[in-house]
Amino acid sequence: MEIRSILHLDLDTFFVSCERLYDSRLNGKPILIGGVTDRGVVASCSYEARRFGIHSAMPMKLAKQLCPEAIQIRGNTATYTKKSEEVTAIVKEEVPLYEKTSIDEFYADLSGMDRFYNSYKIASELRTKIIRETGLPISFGLSENKTVSKIATGEAKPNNQIKVEYGLEKLFLAPLSVKKIPMIGDKTYQTLCGLGIKQIETIQGMPVELMHKVLGKNGVTIWRKANGIDQSPVEPYSERKSISTERTFDKDTTDVVKLKAIMLAMAENLAFQLRRGQKLTSCVTVKVRYSDFNTYTLQNRMPYTSADHMLIPKVLELFDRLYNKRLLVRLIGVRFSHLVSGGYQINLFEDATEMINLYHAMDYIRDKHGDRIVMRAAGIEARTISRFNPFNGEPPPLLANRRE
């Protein structure tokens, strides 16, 4: 059986590093990127700021209290997207199989490359090329699976590299905190600490049955990761993915109120699907087909997001540009494309803590009771269109009072 060689690459403090490329005065300073008002949240912070206990998703007001001298920057998602695409192009050119898991994180499968060239040397040269051509610091971990490589990258930071030799995975993981294991959040960490489990070595010495009894299926997964067992493959990356929906009317219409309500409801639901799948979109397309069967589309690029309060205005703007009041409408549609995986469910550069909490609460309700159970009041008109009505046999939707 061939030994796998899996590389994990992670751009260090990516947003901060991008800002420092364009303003060297920020070097060595504590930097906070995110909402610039007290109601905003931290999207990213420099290592200098982290020494004060600041972390991503922390309320900006608290971050400023912890580090009053920190420099606040609103952030520019267009810039970050552009630099991410530069790195992606280099990775694509240099490795046979790669997976882009977020705007600043990659996996690459170098298995079999040792027959021709040392895989660690390949990884080192790739990292050097990224630093040289983009100016961005990047770290990597190399091992026989995704889990160990990702943890190794975290240990290599900032701006360094680590290889975990085959057979030494458990030895490498043993002294580390259980919080280093991917998928262990604050709640699971507190549960493990309550059981006296703080180091990975403790999990390694436990029977898997005990972990299952305490944490169910997740406990088994955590046990396997703690023991350096992970057979998950590197998934081939495809930049051009999309989700879409269309509605054809039984009777052609010019009722613009209902048309806009349906467009809004479709966009809101698609945005929820993005967040549920941990995806971000950067391209919005609107489609209108008239009674004469002539079909028109408009699309627009925008910074990566999965927030419906950002996507809906763009959808309605494109619809207004397409809509001809003198013609009957037969079909309308919305498509979100250029999807990438993303950890941020909404735009942390602009949205306040209250908005983030509202999204989390609404998505929780949708996951539990159905994706149509809660919607914007402005989209309720869509219910009167029988072909679109998603509420038959379901409770009436909750109406959300949200800022438009």
Protein backbone atom coordinates (compact mmCIF):
# COMPACT_ATOMS: atom_id res chain seq x y z
CA MET A 1 0.00 0.00 0.00
CA GLU A 2 1.39 3.36 -1.05
CA ILE A 3 2.04 5.85 1.74
CA ARG A 4 0.04 9.02 1.23
CA SER A 5 1.64 12.46 1.32
CA ILE A 6 -0.88 15.19 2.12
CA LEU A 7 0.09 18.86 2.22
CA HIS A 8 -1.87 21.53 4.08
CA LEU A 9 -1.18 25.20 3.27
CA ASP A 10 -2.52 28.14 5.26
CA LEU A 11 -1.84 31.82 4.60
CA ASP A 12 -0.81 33.48 7.88
CA THR A 13 -3.20 36.18 9.18
CA PHE A 14 -4.28 36.52 5.56
CA PHE A 15 -6.33 39.72 5.73
CA VAL A 16 -3.72 41.46 7.86
CA SER A 17 -0.91 40.31 5.54
CA CYS A 18 -2.79 41.72 2.52
CA GLU A 19 -3.18 45.09 4.23
CA ARG A 20 0.51 45.17 5.12
CA LEU A 21 1.46 44.58 1.49
CA TYR A 22 -0.08 47.94 0.64
CA ASP A 23 1.01 49.81 3.78
CA SER A 24 4.32 48.78 5.36
CA ARG A 25 3.64 51.14 8.29
CA LEU A 26 1.31 48.42 9.62
CA ASN A 27 4.21 45.97 10.09
CA GLY A 28 4.71 44.98 13.69
CA LYS A 29 1.58 46.82 14.85
CA PRO A 30 -1.53 45.30 16.48
CA ILE A 31 -4.13 45.25 13.69
CA LEU A 32 -7.89 44.63 13.91
CA ILE A 33 -9.81 44.02 10.68
CA GLY A 34 -13.59 44.08 10.66
CA GLY A 35 -16.46 46.41 11.48
CA VAL A 36 -14.96 49.76 12.46
CA THR A 37 -17.81 50.72 14.80
CA ASP A 38 -18.23 49.43 18.35
CA ARG A 39 -21.10 47.26 17.12
CA GLY A 40 -18.88 45.49 14.60
CA VAL A 41 -16.87 42.30 15.07
CA VAL A 42 -13.28 41.25 14.43
CA ALA A 43 -12.84 39.37 11.14
CA SER A 44 -9.09 38.96 11.54
CA CYS A 45 -6.31 40.24 13.76
CA SER A 46 -2.51 40.28 13.75
CA TYR A 47 -0.34 38.16 16.01
CA GLU A 48 0.53 41.37 17.89
CA ALA A 49 -3.16 41.81 18.71
CA ARG A 50 -3.63 38.15 19.65
CA ARG A 51 -1.21 38.59 22.52
CA PHE A 52 -3.92 40.65 24.21
CA GLY A 53 -6.42 37.78 23.99
CA ILE A 54 -8.15 39.05 20.85
CA HIS A 55 -9.53 36.53 18.35
CA SER A 56 -11.76 36.36 15.28
CA ALA A 57 -15.51 36.98 15.78
CA MET A 58 -14.87 38.92 19.00
CA PRO A 59 -16.95 42.13 19.36
CA MET A 60 -14.82 45.05 18.15
CA LYS A 61 -15.69 47.05 21.27
CA LEU A 62 -14.19 44.36 23.52
CA ALA A 63 -11.13 44.03 21.28
CA LYS A 64 -10.48 47.77 21.58
CA GLN A 65 -10.79 47.54 25.34
CA LEU A 66 -8.22 44.75 25.44
CA CYS A 67 -5.84 46.62 23.12
CA PRO A 68 -6.64 50.36 22.90
CA GLU A 69 -3.60 51.05 20.71
CA ALA A 70 -4.72 48.58 18.01
CA ILE A 71 -5.23 49.95 14.51
CA GLN A 72 -8.73 49.31 13.15
CA ILE A 73 -9.20 48.63 9.43
CA ARG A 74 -12.56 48.04 7.77
CA GLY A 75 -11.14 45.51 5.31
CA ASN A 76 -11.46 45.12 1.57
CA THR A 77 -12.87 41.79 0.42
CA ALA A 78 -12.13 42.58 -3.24
CA THR A 79 -8.42 42.85 -2.42
CA TYR A 80 -8.44 39.64 -0.42
CA THR A 81 -10.27 37.78 -3.18
CA LYS A 82 -7.72 38.95 -5.74
CA LYS A 83 -4.74 37.85 -3.64
CA SER A 84 -6.43 34.49 -2.91
CA GLU A 85 -6.85 33.92 -6.64
CA GLU A 86 -3.14 34.65 -7.17
CA VAL A 87 -2.19 31.98 -4.65
CA THR A 88 -4.73 29.54 -6.12
CA ALA A 89 -3.21 29.98 -9.59
CA ILE A 90 0.26 29.10 -8.25
CA VAL A 91 -0.99 26.02 -6.39
CA LYS A 92 -2.91 24.86 -9.45
CA GLU A 93 0.20 25.19 -11.61
CA GLU A 94 2.53 23.33 -9.24
CA VAL A 95 0.58 20.36 -7.83
CA PRO A 96 -1.41 17.58 -9.56
CA LEU A 97 -4.38 17.56 -7.15
CA TYR A 98 -5.49 20.29 -4.76
CA GLU A 99 -8.50 21.29 -2.70
CA LYS A 100 -9.30 24.88 -1.74
CA THR A 101 -11.18 24.77 1.55
CA SER A 102 -11.42 28.53 2.16
CA ILE A 103 -10.14 31.83 0.85
CA ASP A 104 -6.75 31.24 2.52
CA GLU A 105 -6.42 27.48 3.00
CA PHE A 106 -5.50 24.57 0.71
CA TYR A 107 -4.81 20.84 0.71
CA ALA A 108 -2.68 19.12 -1.93
CA ASP A 109 -2.13 15.41 -2.54
CA LEU A 110 1.54 14.75 -3.30
CA SER A 111 1.25 10.97 -2.99
CA GLY A 112 3.57 9.13 -5.35
CA MET A 113 5.66 12.21 -6.10
CA ASP A 114 8.55 10.77 -4.05
CA ARG A 115 9.20 8.38 -6.94
CA PHE A 116 10.40 11.35 -8.96
CA TYR A 117 11.15 14.11 -6.47
CA ASN A 118 11.10 14.55 -2.70
CA SER A 119 7.57 15.62 -1.64
CA TYR A 120 8.88 17.78 1.22
CA LYS A 121 11.16 19.58 -1.21
CA ILE A 122 8.21 20.10 -3.58
CA ALA A 123 6.18 21.57 -0.73
CA SER A 124 9.06 23.80 0.35
CA GLU A 125 9.59 25.12 -3.17
CA LEU A 126 5.86 25.74 -3.55
CA ARG A 127 5.79 27.75 -0.32
CA THR A 128 8.86 29.74 -1.42
CA LYS A 129 7.25 30.53 -4.77
CA ILE A 130 4.03 31.74 -3.14
CA ILE A 131 5.97 34.02 -0.79
CA ARG A 132 8.17 35.33 -3.61
CA GLU A 133 5.39 36.00 -6.12
CA THR A 134 2.62 37.24 -3.83
CA GLY A 135 4.53 38.70 -0.90
CA LEU A 136 2.28 36.81 1.51
CA PRO A 137 3.55 34.69 4.42
CA ILE A 138 2.33 31.09 4.36
CA SER A 139 2.85 28.00 6.50
CA PHE A 140 2.45 24.31 5.74
CA GLY A 141 2.21 20.93 7.37
CA LEU A 142 3.04 17.68 5.54
CA SER A 143 2.06 14.21 6.70
CA GLU A 144 0.16 11.14 5.55
CA ASN A 145 -3.33 12.61 6.16
CA LYS A 146 -5.37 15.80 6.32
CA THR A 147 -5.86 15.97 10.08
CA VAL A 148 -2.20 15.66 11.05
CA SER A 149 -1.11 18.04 8.29
CA LYS A 150 -3.60 20.70 9.39
CA ILE A 151 -2.51 20.45 13.01
CA ALA A 152 1.13 20.56 11.90
CA THR A 153 0.48 23.77 10.00
CA GLY A 154 -0.93 25.33 13.16
CA GLU A 155 2.23 24.35 15.02
CA ALA A 156 4.45 25.69 12.22
CA LYS A 157 2.93 29.18 12.28
CA PRO A 158 3.90 31.88 11.84
CA ASN A 159 5.49 31.57 8.39
CA ASN A 160 7.16 28.19 8.77
CA GLN A 161 6.82 24.52 7.83
CA ILE A 162 6.69 21.11 9.51
CA LYS A 163 6.82 17.55 8.20
CA VAL A 164 5.50 14.70 10.35
CA GLU A 165 7.22 11.49 9.31
CA TYR A 166 5.10 8.42 8.57
CA GLY A 167 4.54 6.35 11.72
CA LEU A 168 5.23 9.26 14.08
CA GLU A 169 1.77 10.83 13.91
CA LYS A 170 0.66 9.78 17.42
CA LEU A 171 3.96 10.88 18.93
CA PHE A 172 3.63 14.30 17.29
CA LEU A 173 0.02 14.77 18.44
CA ALA A 174 0.34 13.40 21.99
CA PRO A 175 1.59 16.50 23.90
CA LEU A 176 -0.77 18.94 22.15
CA SER A 177 -4.00 20.36 23.57
CA VAL A 178 -7.19 18.57 22.51
CA LYS A 179 -8.36 21.95 21.21
CA LYS A 180 -5.85 21.53 18.37
CA ILE A 181 -8.00 18.76 16.89
CA PRO A 182 -10.13 20.07 13.99
CA MET A 183 -13.87 20.02 14.80
CA ILE A 184 -13.40 20.58 18.55
CA GLY A 185 -15.11 23.85 19.42
CA ASP A 186 -15.48 25.62 22.74
CA LYS A 187 -18.44 23.50 23.89
CA THR A 188 -16.77 20.15 23.17
CA TYR A 189 -13.53 21.44 24.69
CA GLN A 190 -15.32 22.35 27.91
CA THR A 191 -16.95 18.90 27.99
CA LEU A 192 -13.57 17.20 27.60
CA CYS A 193 -11.96 19.43 30.23
CA GLY A 194 -14.79 18.55 32.59
CA LEU A 195 -13.72 14.93 32.18
CA GLY A 196 -10.10 15.80 32.86
CA ILE A 197 -9.13 15.44 29.19
CA LYS A 198 -6.86 18.29 28.13
CA GLN A 199 -4.10 16.66 26.11
CA ILE A 200 -4.45 14.54 22.99
CA GLU A 201 -2.32 11.86 24.68
CA THR A 202 -5.18 11.22 27.14
CA ILE A 203 -7.61 10.48 24.30
CA GLN A 204 -5.04 8.21 22.65
CA GLY A 205 -4.99 6.06 25.78
CA MET A 206 -8.79 5.81 26.05
CA PRO A 207 -10.94 3.03 24.58
CA VAL A 208 -12.89 4.26 21.58
CA GLU A 209 -16.06 2.85 23.20
CA LEU A 210 -15.71 5.33 26.06
CA MET A 211 -15.42 8.28 23.68
CA HIS A 212 -18.52 7.04 21.88
CA LYS A 213 -20.40 6.80 25.17
CA VAL A 214 -19.49 10.38 26.10
CA LEU A 215 -19.79 12.16 22.73
CA GLY A 216 -21.56 9.72 20.42
CA LYS A 217 -20.40 9.52 16.80
CA ASN A 218 -18.38 12.71 17.22
CA GLY A 219 -16.47 11.01 20.00
CA VAL A 220 -15.39 8.24 17.65
CA THR A 221 -14.28 10.79 15.04
CA ILE A 222 -12.32 12.73 17.66
CA TRP A 223 -10.67 9.51 18.88
CA ARG A 224 -9.59 8.63 15.34
CA LYS A 225 -8.18 12.11 14.73
CA ALA A 226 -6.35 12.04 18.08
CA ASN A 227 -4.71 8.79 16.98
CA GLY A 228 -3.70 10.27 13.64
CA ILE A 229 -6.23 8.23 11.66
CA ASP A 230 -7.86 10.03 8.73
CA GLN A 231 -8.49 8.51 5.31
CA SER A 232 -10.48 11.44 3.88
CA PRO A 233 -9.29 12.26 0.34
CA VAL A 234 -8.23 15.56 -1.14
CA GLU A 235 -11.29 16.63 -3.12
CA PRO A 236 -10.51 18.05 -6.57
CA TYR A 237 -11.21 21.78 -6.53
CA SER A 238 -13.58 23.35 -9.03
CA GLU A 239 -13.90 27.13 -9.09
CA ARG A 240 -17.08 27.26 -11.15
CA LYS A 241 -19.87 25.87 -8.99
CA SER A 242 -23.32 27.38 -8.68
CA ILE A 243 -26.75 27.04 -7.11
CA SER A 244 -29.89 28.39 -8.71
CA THR A 245 -33.67 28.34 -8.76
CA GLU A 246 -36.34 29.30 -11.30
CA ARG A 247 -40.10 29.77 -11.25
CA THR A 248 -42.37 29.42 -14.29
CA PHE A 249 -45.87 30.90 -13.79
CA ASP A 250 -49.09 29.14 -14.77
CA LYS A 251 -50.28 32.50 -16.01
CA ASP A 252 -47.95 35.20 -17.31
CA THR A 253 -47.95 38.27 -15.09
CA THR A 254 -46.97 41.92 -14.79
CA ASP A 255 -47.59 42.13 -11.04
CA VAL A 256 -44.26 43.67 -10.09
CA VAL A 257 -44.98 43.48 -6.34
CA LYS A 258 -45.35 39.72 -6.46
CA LEU A 259 -42.48 39.34 -8.90
CA LYS A 260 -40.14 41.17 -6.54
CA ALA A 261 -41.47 39.23 -3.56
CA ILE A 262 -40.66 35.96 -5.31
CA MET A 263 -37.21 37.19 -6.34
CA LEU A 264 -36.54 38.20 -2.75
CA ALA A 265 -37.76 34.88 -1.34
CA MET A 266 -35.66 32.90 -3.84
CA ALA A 267 -32.54 34.94 -3.08
CA GLU A 268 -33.04 34.59 0.66
CA ASN A 269 -33.46 30.83 0.44
CA LEU A 270 -30.41 30.41 -1.80
CA ALA A 271 -28.36 32.49 0.65
CA PHE A 272 -29.42 30.15 3.46
CA GLN A 273 -28.36 27.17 1.33
CA LEU A 274 -24.95 28.81 0.92
CA ARG A 275 -24.54 29.25 4.66
CA ARG A 276 -25.72 25.72 5.40
CA GLY A 277 -23.13 24.37 2.97
CA GLN A 278 -20.41 26.72 4.24
CA LYS A 279 -20.14 28.35 0.82
CA LEU A 280 -19.62 31.91 -0.39
CA THR A 281 -20.61 33.39 -3.74
CA SER A 282 -19.07 36.23 -5.71
CA CYS A 283 -21.37 36.29 -8.74
CA VAL A 284 -25.14 36.98 -8.87
CA THR A 285 -27.23 36.33 -11.98
CA VAL A 286 -30.89 37.20 -12.55
CA LYS A 287 -32.97 35.71 -15.39
CA VAL A 288 -36.27 36.96 -16.84
CA ARG A 289 -38.26 35.25 -19.62
CA TYR A 290 -41.17 37.12 -21.16
CA SER A 291 -44.38 35.79 -22.71
CA ASP A 292 -42.80 35.96 -26.18
CA PHE A 293 -40.15 33.51 -24.90
CA ASN A 294 -37.35 36.03 -25.22
CA THR A 295 -35.02 35.45 -22.27
CA TYR A 296 -32.66 37.99 -20.73
CA THR A 297 -30.01 37.64 -18.03
CA LEU A 298 -27.81 40.05 -16.11
CA GLN A 299 -24.98 39.18 -13.76
CA ASN A 300 -22.73 41.11 -11.44
CA ARG A 301 -19.59 40.26 -9.51
CA MET A 302 -19.29 41.22 -5.86
CA PRO A 303 -17.08 40.43 -2.85
CA TYR A 304 -17.53 36.89 -1.52
CA THR A 305 -20.52 36.62 0.83
CA SER A 306 -23.37 34.38 1.92
CA ALA A 307 -25.46 37.07 3.62
CA ASP A 308 -28.93 37.48 2.17
CA HIS A 309 -29.13 41.12 3.29
CA MET A 310 -26.21 41.76 0.94
CA LEU A 311 -27.32 39.45 -1.86
CA ILE A 312 -31.01 40.43 -1.98
CA PRO A 313 -30.39 44.12 -2.86
CA LYS A 314 -28.11 42.98 -5.69
CA VAL A 315 -30.75 40.55 -6.99
CA LEU A 316 -33.47 43.23 -6.91
CA GLU A 317 -31.16 45.76 -8.56
CA LEU A 318 -30.50 43.38 -11.46
CA PHE A 319 -34.21 42.58 -11.75
CA ASP A 320 -35.08 46.29 -11.95
CA ARG A 321 -32.60 46.67 -14.79
CA LEU A 322 -34.05 43.70 -16.67
CA TYR A 323 -37.77 44.23 -16.08
CA ASN A 324 -39.86 45.65 -18.93
CA LYS A 325 -43.21 46.84 -17.57
CA ARG A 326 -44.89 46.54 -20.97
CA LEU A 327 -44.37 42.78 -21.26
CA LEU A 328 -45.87 39.81 -19.45
CA VAL A 329 -43.35 37.74 -17.47
CA ARG A 330 -43.34 33.97 -17.91
CA LEU A 331 -40.32 32.95 -15.84
CA ILE A 332 -37.86 34.43 -13.35
CA GLY A 333 -34.71 32.93 -11.84
CA VAL A 334 -31.73 33.60 -9.59
CA ARG A 335 -28.29 31.99 -9.66
CA PHE A 336 -25.29 32.34 -7.35
CA SER A 337 -22.02 31.16 -8.90
CA HIS A 338 -18.23 31.20 -8.46
CA LEU A 339 -18.73 29.43 -5.15
CA VAL A 340 -15.90 28.73 -2.72
CA SER A 341 -15.85 27.23 0.73
CA GLY A 342 -15.87 29.85 3.44
CA GLY A 343 -16.00 29.94 7.19
CA TYR A 344 -17.69 33.30 7.51
CA GLN A 345 -21.43 33.01 7.26
CA ILE A 346 -21.87 36.75 6.76
CA ASN A 347 -19.75 39.79 6.01
CA LEU A 348 -17.81 40.37 9.21
CA PHE A 349 -16.38 43.61 7.84
CA GLU A 350 -19.76 45.32 7.87
CA ASP A 351 -22.18 43.46 10.11
CA ALA A 352 -22.77 44.09 13.78
CA THR A 353 -22.85 41.40 16.44
CA GLU A 354 -26.65 41.64 16.55
CA MET A 355 -26.86 40.78 12.85
CA ILE A 356 -24.57 37.78 13.25
CA ASN A 357 -26.62 36.49 16.17
CA LEU A 358 -29.84 37.00 14.18
CA TYR A 359 -28.50 34.92 11.28
CA HIS A 360 -27.41 32.15 13.62
CA ALA A 361 -30.83 32.09 15.29
CA MET A 362 -32.78 32.09 12.02
CA ASP A 363 -30.58 29.42 10.43
CA TYR A 364 -31.02 27.28 13.54
CA ILE A 365 -34.82 27.55 13.16
CA ARG A 366 -34.59 26.68 9.46
CA ASP A 367 -32.38 23.67 10.11
CA LYS A 368 -34.77 22.38 12.75
CA HIS A 369 -38.16 23.15 11.17
CA GLY A 370 -37.51 23.54 7.44
CA ASP A 371 -35.80 26.09 5.23
CA ARG A 372 -39.08 27.91 4.43
CA ILE A 373 -40.32 28.28 8.00
CA VAL A 374 -38.86 31.75 8.53
CA MET A 375 -38.57 34.46 5.90
CA ARG A 376 -38.57 38.19 5.37
CA ALA A 377 -41.93 39.92 5.61
CA ALA A 378 -41.27 41.51 2.22
CA GLY A 379 -41.23 38.07 0.61
CA ILE A 380 -44.54 36.90 2.01
CA GLU A 381 -46.36 37.95 -1.17
CA ALA A 382 -44.70 34.97 -2.82
CA ARG A 383 -47.13 32.69 -0.98
CA THR A 384 -50.00 33.73 -3.22
CA ILE A 385 -48.32 32.28 -6.31
CA SER A 386 -49.44 28.65 -6.21
CA ARG A 387 -46.55 27.23 -8.22
CA PHE A 388 -44.07 28.83 -5.82
CA ASN A 389 -45.95 28.24 -2.58
CA PRO A 390 -43.58 26.20 -0.39
CA PHE A 391 -45.76 26.24 2.69
CA ASN A 392 -48.43 23.66 1.83
CA GLY A 393 -48.56 21.17 4.66
CA GLU A 394 -46.15 23.25 6.77
CA PRO A 395 -46.75 25.72 9.59
CA PRO A 396 -47.06 29.35 8.48
CA PRO A 397 -43.70 31.09 8.19
CA LEU A 398 -42.29 33.30 10.88
CA LEU A 399 -41.85 36.88 9.70
CA ALA A 400 -38.43 38.39 10.32
CA ASN A 401 -38.10 42.07 11.07
CA ARG A 402 -34.66 42.71 9.66
CA ARG A 403 -32.98 45.76 8.29
CA GLU A 404 -33.55 45.95 4.57
